Amino acid sequence: MFDHKAQHKPLTLRSRREFILHALRNTATALGFFGLSLGIGVVGYWYFAGLGWLDSLLNAAMILTGMGPVAALTSDEAKIFASLYAIYSGVAFTAITAVILYPFINRMVKILHLQSINSARAASDDDRQS
């Protein structure tokens, strides 16, 4: 049911170059998803609320980043779209942030884990020498 320790490869840290490339790929993916999400909001506000392109961009950006709406919505369709977009945006912004931060947090955890392994080995070597 569970993997045995021996089945796992040893914990290694990516080289600095590999880490930077990994972080850049994640950031590019997240920014692409952010742009797509922003585009959906801009088109939705333009279509359903009848706002101009600039006002649609402002409203979509404010909702997507969690700041709240700017323009007052009058039609029911616009209110339904804004409600659904706000729910989507809450999840999307959290996911975008997680994708960007993942390589950094993962590297930090691996460094701390490797340090604890090395200190445990050093302590056990000291115990054997005593």
C-alpha atoms as a PDB file:
ATOM      1  CA  MET A   1       0.000   0.000   0.000  1.00  0.00           C
ATOM      2  CA  PHE A   2       2.768   2.453   0.927  1.00  0.00           C
ATOM      3  CA  ASP A   3       6.161   2.813  -0.720  1.00  0.00           C
ATOM      4  CA  HIS A   4       9.176   1.623   1.177  1.00  0.00           C
ATOM      5  CA  LYS A   5      11.979   4.100   1.801  1.00  0.00           C
ATOM      6  CA  ALA A   6      14.316   2.035  -0.393  1.00  0.00           C
ATOM      7  CA  GLN A   7      12.019   2.615  -3.393  1.00  0.00           C
ATOM      8  CA  HIS A   8      12.589   6.364  -3.318  1.00  0.00           C
ATOM      9  CA  LYS A   9      15.507   7.972  -5.044  1.00  0.00           C
ATOM     10  CA  PRO A  10      17.839   9.995  -2.819  1.00  0.00           C
ATOM     11  CA  LEU A  11      16.920  13.597  -2.126  1.00  0.00           C
ATOM     12  CA  THR A  12      18.890  15.911  -4.412  1.00  0.00           C
ATOM     13  CA  LEU A  13      18.865  19.618  -5.019  1.00  0.00           C
ATOM     14  CA  ARG A  14      18.587  20.978  -8.556  1.00  0.00           C
ATOM     15  CA  SER A  15      21.498  23.042  -9.815  1.00  0.00           C
ATOM     16  CA  ARG A  16      21.022  26.802  -9.654  1.00  0.00           C
ATOM     17  CA  ARG A  17      20.560  26.920 -13.449  1.00  0.00           C
ATOM     18  CA  GLU A  18      17.930  24.144 -13.409  1.00  0.00           C
ATOM     19  CA  PHE A  19      16.142  25.859 -10.535  1.00  0.00           C
ATOM     20  CA  ILE A  20      16.025  29.212 -12.336  1.00  0.00           C
ATOM     21  CA  LEU A  21      14.709  27.572 -15.512  1.00  0.00           C
ATOM     22  CA  HIS A  22      12.073  25.714 -13.474  1.00  0.00           C
ATOM     23  CA  ALA A  23      11.010  28.930 -11.746  1.00  0.00           C
ATOM     24  CA  LEU A  24      10.857  30.794 -15.066  1.00  0.00           C
ATOM     25  CA  ARG A  25       8.726  28.042 -16.663  1.00  0.00           C
ATOM     26  CA  ASN A  26       6.320  28.119 -13.737  1.00  0.00           C
ATOM     27  CA  THR A  27       6.142  31.915 -13.836  1.00  0.00           C
ATOM     28  CA  ALA A  28       5.503  31.918 -17.599  1.00  0.00           C
ATOM     29  CA  THR A  29       2.758  29.311 -17.176  1.00  0.00           C
ATOM     30  CA  ALA A  30       1.160  31.303 -14.370  1.00  0.00           C
ATOM     31  CA  LEU A  31       1.343  34.571 -16.304  1.00  0.00           C
ATOM     32  CA  GLY A  32      -0.231  32.890 -19.324  1.00  0.00           C
ATOM     33  CA  PHE A  33      -3.074  31.618 -17.147  1.00  0.00           C
ATOM     34  CA  PHE A  34      -3.372  35.094 -15.596  1.00  0.00           C
ATOM     35  CA  GLY A  35      -3.606  36.680 -19.052  1.00  0.00           C
ATOM     36  CA  LEU A  36      -6.249  34.173 -20.150  1.00  0.00           C
ATOM     37  CA  SER A  37      -8.247  34.798 -16.969  1.00  0.00           C
ATOM     38  CA  LEU A  38      -7.972  38.548 -17.402  1.00  0.00           C
ATOM     39  CA  GLY A  39      -9.050  38.233 -21.042  1.00  0.00           C
ATOM     40  CA  ILE A  40     -12.132  36.236 -20.054  1.00  0.00           C
ATOM     41  CA  GLY A  41     -13.050  38.969 -17.582  1.00  0.00           C
ATOM     42  CA  VAL A  42     -12.478  41.814 -20.045  1.00  0.00           C
ATOM     43  CA  VAL A  43     -14.611  40.193 -22.749  1.00  0.00           C
ATOM     44  CA  GLY A  44     -17.282  39.238 -20.213  1.00  0.00           C
ATOM     45  CA  TYR A  45     -17.601  42.734 -18.790  1.00  0.00           C
ATOM     46  CA  TRP A  46     -17.587  44.212 -22.277  1.00  0.00           C
ATOM     47  CA  TYR A  47     -20.258  41.794 -23.531  1.00  0.00           C
ATOM     48  CA  PHE A  48     -22.538  41.403 -20.508  1.00  0.00           C
ATOM     49  CA  ALA A  49     -22.169  44.779 -18.781  1.00  0.00           C
ATOM     50  CA  GLY A  50     -21.753  46.899 -21.906  1.00  0.00           C
ATOM     51  CA  LEU A  51     -18.661  48.588 -20.506  1.00  0.00           C
ATOM     52  CA  GLY A  52     -15.945  50.041 -22.716  1.00  0.00           C
ATOM     53  CA  TRP A  53     -12.728  48.089 -23.180  1.00  0.00           C
ATOM     54  CA  LEU A  54     -10.752  50.143 -20.662  1.00  0.00           C
ATOM     55  CA  ASP A  55     -13.486  49.968 -18.023  1.00  0.00           C
ATOM     56  CA  SER A  56     -13.825  46.230 -18.680  1.00  0.00           C
ATOM     57  CA  LEU A  57     -10.080  45.803 -18.172  1.00  0.00           C
ATOM     58  CA  LEU A  58     -10.209  47.798 -14.945  1.00  0.00           C
ATOM     59  CA  ASN A  59     -13.140  45.801 -13.551  1.00  0.00           C
ATOM     60  CA  ALA A  60     -11.636  42.446 -14.579  1.00  0.00           C
ATOM     61  CA  ALA A  61      -8.237  43.321 -13.090  1.00  0.00           C
ATOM     62  CA  MET A  62      -9.780  44.510  -9.840  1.00  0.00           C
ATOM     63  CA  ILE A  63     -11.923  41.380  -9.473  1.00  0.00           C
ATOM     64  CA  LEU A  64      -9.124  39.007 -10.492  1.00  0.00           C
ATOM     65  CA  THR A  65      -6.735  40.426  -7.895  1.00  0.00           C
ATOM     66  CA  GLY A  66      -9.372  40.455  -5.169  1.00  0.00           C
ATOM     67  CA  MET A  67      -9.894  44.208  -4.912  1.00  0.00           C
ATOM     68  CA  GLY A  68     -13.567  44.279  -5.849  1.00  0.00           C
ATOM     69  CA  PRO A  69     -15.657  45.786  -8.643  1.00  0.00           C
ATOM     70  CA  VAL A  70     -15.367  49.374  -9.825  1.00  0.00           C
ATOM     71  CA  ALA A  71     -18.362  49.942 -12.127  1.00  0.00           C
ATOM     72  CA  ALA A  72     -21.948  49.549 -10.981  1.00  0.00           C
ATOM     73  CA  LEU A  73     -23.720  46.774 -12.866  1.00  0.00           C
ATOM     74  CA  THR A  74     -27.328  47.264 -13.864  1.00  0.00           C
ATOM     75  CA  SER A  75     -28.406  44.204 -15.878  1.00  0.00           C
ATOM     76  CA  ASP A  76     -29.062  40.801 -14.384  1.00  0.00           C
ATOM     77  CA  GLU A  77     -26.774  39.144 -16.959  1.00  0.00           C
ATOM     78  CA  ALA A  78     -23.894  41.391 -15.943  1.00  0.00           C
ATOM     79  CA  LYS A  79     -24.474  40.630 -12.262  1.00  0.00           C
ATOM     80  CA  ILE A  80     -24.547  36.878 -12.902  1.00  0.00           C
ATOM     81  CA  PHE A  81     -21.361  37.090 -14.963  1.00  0.00           C
ATOM     82  CA  ALA A  82     -19.664  39.222 -12.303  1.00  0.00           C
ATOM     83  CA  SER A  83     -20.661  36.755  -9.583  1.00  0.00           C
ATOM     84  CA  LEU A  84     -19.338  33.755 -11.497  1.00  0.00           C
ATOM     85  CA  TYR A  85     -16.176  35.613 -12.514  1.00  0.00           C
ATOM     86  CA  ALA A  86     -15.530  36.639  -8.903  1.00  0.00           C
ATOM     87  CA  ILE A  87     -15.817  33.015  -7.722  1.00  0.00           C
ATOM     88  CA  TYR A  88     -13.553  31.856 -10.547  1.00  0.00           C
ATOM     89  CA  SER A  89     -11.079  34.667  -9.849  1.00  0.00           C
ATOM     90  CA  GLY A  90     -10.716  33.721  -6.199  1.00  0.00           C
ATOM     91  CA  VAL A  91      -9.610  30.229  -7.172  1.00  0.00           C
ATOM     92  CA  ALA A  92      -7.563  31.361 -10.185  1.00  0.00           C
ATOM     93  CA  PHE A  93      -5.544  33.971  -8.289  1.00  0.00           C
ATOM     94  CA  THR A  94      -4.736  31.484  -5.524  1.00  0.00           C
ATOM     95  CA  ALA A  95      -3.638  28.890  -8.099  1.00  0.00           C
ATOM     96  CA  ILE A  96      -1.535  31.426 -10.013  1.00  0.00           C
ATOM     97  CA  THR A  97       0.226  32.473  -6.826  1.00  0.00           C
ATOM     98  CA  ALA A  98       0.852  28.844  -5.858  1.00  0.00           C
ATOM     99  CA  VAL A  99       2.343  27.993  -9.259  1.00  0.00           C
ATOM    100  CA  ILE A 100       4.738  30.948  -9.048  1.00  0.00           C
ATOM    101  CA  LEU A 101       5.807  30.268  -5.445  1.00  0.00           C
ATOM    102  CA  TYR A 102       6.066  26.461  -5.693  1.00  0.00           C
ATOM    103  CA  PRO A 103       9.677  26.228  -6.947  1.00  0.00           C
ATOM    104  CA  PHE A 104      10.921  28.584  -4.228  1.00  0.00           C
ATOM    105  CA  ILE A 105       9.081  26.884  -1.373  1.00  0.00           C
ATOM    106  CA  ASN A 106      10.039  23.436  -2.648  1.00  0.00           C
ATOM    107  CA  ARG A 107      13.723  24.413  -2.832  1.00  0.00           C
ATOM    108  CA  MET A 108      13.634  25.894   0.663  1.00  0.00           C
ATOM    109  CA  VAL A 109      12.040  22.743   2.102  1.00  0.00           C
ATOM    110  CA  LYS A 110      14.599  20.529   0.336  1.00  0.00           C
ATOM    111  CA  ILE A 111      17.493  22.637   1.655  1.00  0.00           C
ATOM    112  CA  LEU A 112      16.134  22.410   5.191  1.00  0.00           C
ATOM    113  CA  HIS A 113      15.589  18.662   4.811  1.00  0.00           C
ATOM    114  CA  LEU A 114      19.106  18.123   3.478  1.00  0.00           C
ATOM    115  CA  GLN A 115      20.513  20.173   6.348  1.00  0.00           C
ATOM    116  CA  SER A 116      18.642  18.051   8.879  1.00  0.00           C
ATOM    117  CA  ILE A 117      19.892  14.861   7.200  1.00  0.00           C
ATOM    118  CA  ASN A 118      23.474  16.135   7.233  1.00  0.00           C
ATOM    119  CA  SER A 119      23.287  17.202  10.876  1.00  0.00           C
ATOM    120  CA  ALA A 120      21.803  13.814  11.830  1.00  0.00           C
ATOM    121  CA  ARG A 121      24.647  12.051   9.982  1.00  0.00           C
ATOM    122  CA  ALA A 122      27.201  14.252  11.694  1.00  0.00           C
ATOM    123  CA  ALA A 123      25.664  13.466  15.080  1.00  0.00           C
ATOM    124  CA  SER A 124      25.681   9.736  14.388  1.00  0.00           C
ATOM    125  CA  ASP A 125      29.328   9.931  13.229  1.00  0.00           C
ATOM    126  CA  ASP A 126      30.206  11.696  16.496  1.00  0.00           C
ATOM    127  CA  ASP A 127      28.422   8.969  18.449  1.00  0.00           C
ATOM    128  CA  ARG A 128      30.419   6.243  16.644  1.00  0.00           C
ATOM    129  CA  GLN A 129      33.720   7.983  17.313  1.00  0.00           C
ATOM    130  CA  SER A 130      32.994   8.331  21.049  1.00  0.00           C
END
